[in-house]
Protein backbone atom coordinates (compact mmCIF):
# COMPACT_ATOMS: atom_id res chain seq x y z
CA MET A 1 5.50 17.94 8.53
CA ASP A 2 5.90 14.97 6.20
CA GLY A 3 6.78 11.36 7.10
CA ASP A 4 10.51 11.81 6.48
CA GLU A 5 10.58 14.78 8.83
CA LEU A 6 8.70 12.81 11.46
CA LEU A 7 11.23 9.99 11.21
CA GLN A 8 14.22 12.33 11.30
CA THR A 9 13.13 14.70 14.07
CA SER A 10 15.52 14.31 16.96
CA HIS A 11 14.04 16.55 19.65
CA GLN A 12 12.32 13.57 21.32
CA PRO A 13 14.12 11.71 24.09
CA LYS A 14 16.23 8.84 22.76
CA SER A 15 14.13 6.29 24.66
CA ARG A 16 11.11 7.21 22.51
CA ARG A 17 12.93 7.20 19.17
CA ARG A 18 13.57 4.32 16.79
CA ASN A 19 16.40 4.62 14.26
CA GLY A 20 16.82 8.34 14.89
CA GLY A 21 13.12 9.25 14.55
CA TYR A 22 9.78 8.62 16.19
CA ALA A 23 8.41 5.20 16.98
CA VAL A 24 6.10 3.85 14.30
CA SER A 25 3.21 3.82 16.76
CA GLU A 26 3.73 7.54 17.44
CA ILE A 27 3.81 8.43 13.76
CA ALA A 28 0.69 6.37 13.07
CA GLU A 29 -1.12 8.03 15.97
CA ARG A 30 -0.13 11.52 14.78
CA LEU A 31 -1.35 10.73 11.26
CA GLY A 32 -4.54 9.12 12.53
CA ILE A 33 -3.86 5.77 10.86
CA SER A 34 -3.11 2.25 12.05
CA THR A 35 0.45 1.01 12.41
CA LYS A 36 -0.43 -1.71 9.88
CA SER A 37 -1.27 0.97 7.29
CA LEU A 38 2.01 2.74 7.96
CA TYR A 39 4.01 -0.48 7.61
CA THR A 40 2.10 -1.30 4.39
CA TRP A 41 2.87 2.12 2.91
CA LYS A 42 6.50 1.86 3.95
CA ALA A 43 6.84 -1.55 2.29
CA GLN A 44 5.08 -0.36 -0.85
CA PHE A 45 7.00 2.88 -1.31
CA SER A 46 10.41 1.58 -0.29
CA LYS A 47 10.48 -0.53 -3.47
CA PRO A 48 12.31 0.92 -6.49
CA PRO A 49 10.03 2.79 -8.93
CA HIS A 50 10.38 0.17 -11.67
CA VAL A 51 9.21 -2.56 -9.27
CA ARG A 52 6.21 -0.44 -8.18
CA ALA A 53 5.35 0.15 -11.86
CA GLU A 54 5.52 -3.58 -12.54
CA VAL A 55 3.19 -4.31 -9.61
CA LEU A 56 0.72 -1.70 -10.88
CA ASP A 57 0.88 -3.19 -14.38
CA GLN A 58 0.19 -6.66 -12.97
CA ALA A 59 -2.76 -5.35 -10.94
CA ALA A 60 -4.22 -3.69 -14.05
CA GLU A 61 -3.83 -6.93 -16.02
CA ILE A 62 -5.55 -8.94 -13.27
CA LYS A 63 -8.42 -6.44 -13.23
CA ARG A 64 -8.77 -6.68 -17.03
CA LEU A 65 -8.74 -10.49 -16.91
CA LYS A 66 -11.40 -10.56 -14.19
CA ARG A 67 -13.66 -8.33 -16.31
CA GLU A 68 -13.10 -10.56 -19.32
CA LEU A 69 -13.84 -13.69 -17.27
CA ALA A 70 -17.08 -12.15 -15.99
CA ARG A 71 -18.11 -11.27 -19.55
CA VAL A 72 -17.34 -14.74 -20.92
CA THR A 73 -19.07 -16.40 -17.96
CA GLU A 74 -22.19 -14.30 -18.59
CA GLU A 75 -22.11 -15.10 -22.34
CA ARG A 76 -21.88 -18.81 -21.54
CA ARG A 77 -24.74 -18.60 -19.03
CA VAL A 78 -26.95 -16.83 -21.60
CA ALA A 79 -26.04 -19.36 -24.31
CA THR A 80 -27.00 -22.30 -22.09
CA GLU A 81 -30.40 -20.70 -21.31
CA LEU A 82 -31.37 -20.72 -24.99
């Protein structure tokens, strides 16, 4: 059963459901994850695909810049030792 099915299942008593599905704490427990992880995933994947792609592009650029900074810092350290 995937996350959408868990949220949409209506055989639970209404007092235990949120927005027509299971409570977030129940879903997290069934999946063996924290509620924080579930909320994080929900926030991440509820964004439109082009926004998610932009975030991934930005993360890749940050990673590249950090590698470049480490390289330049090391080159500068070696140059000052000479």
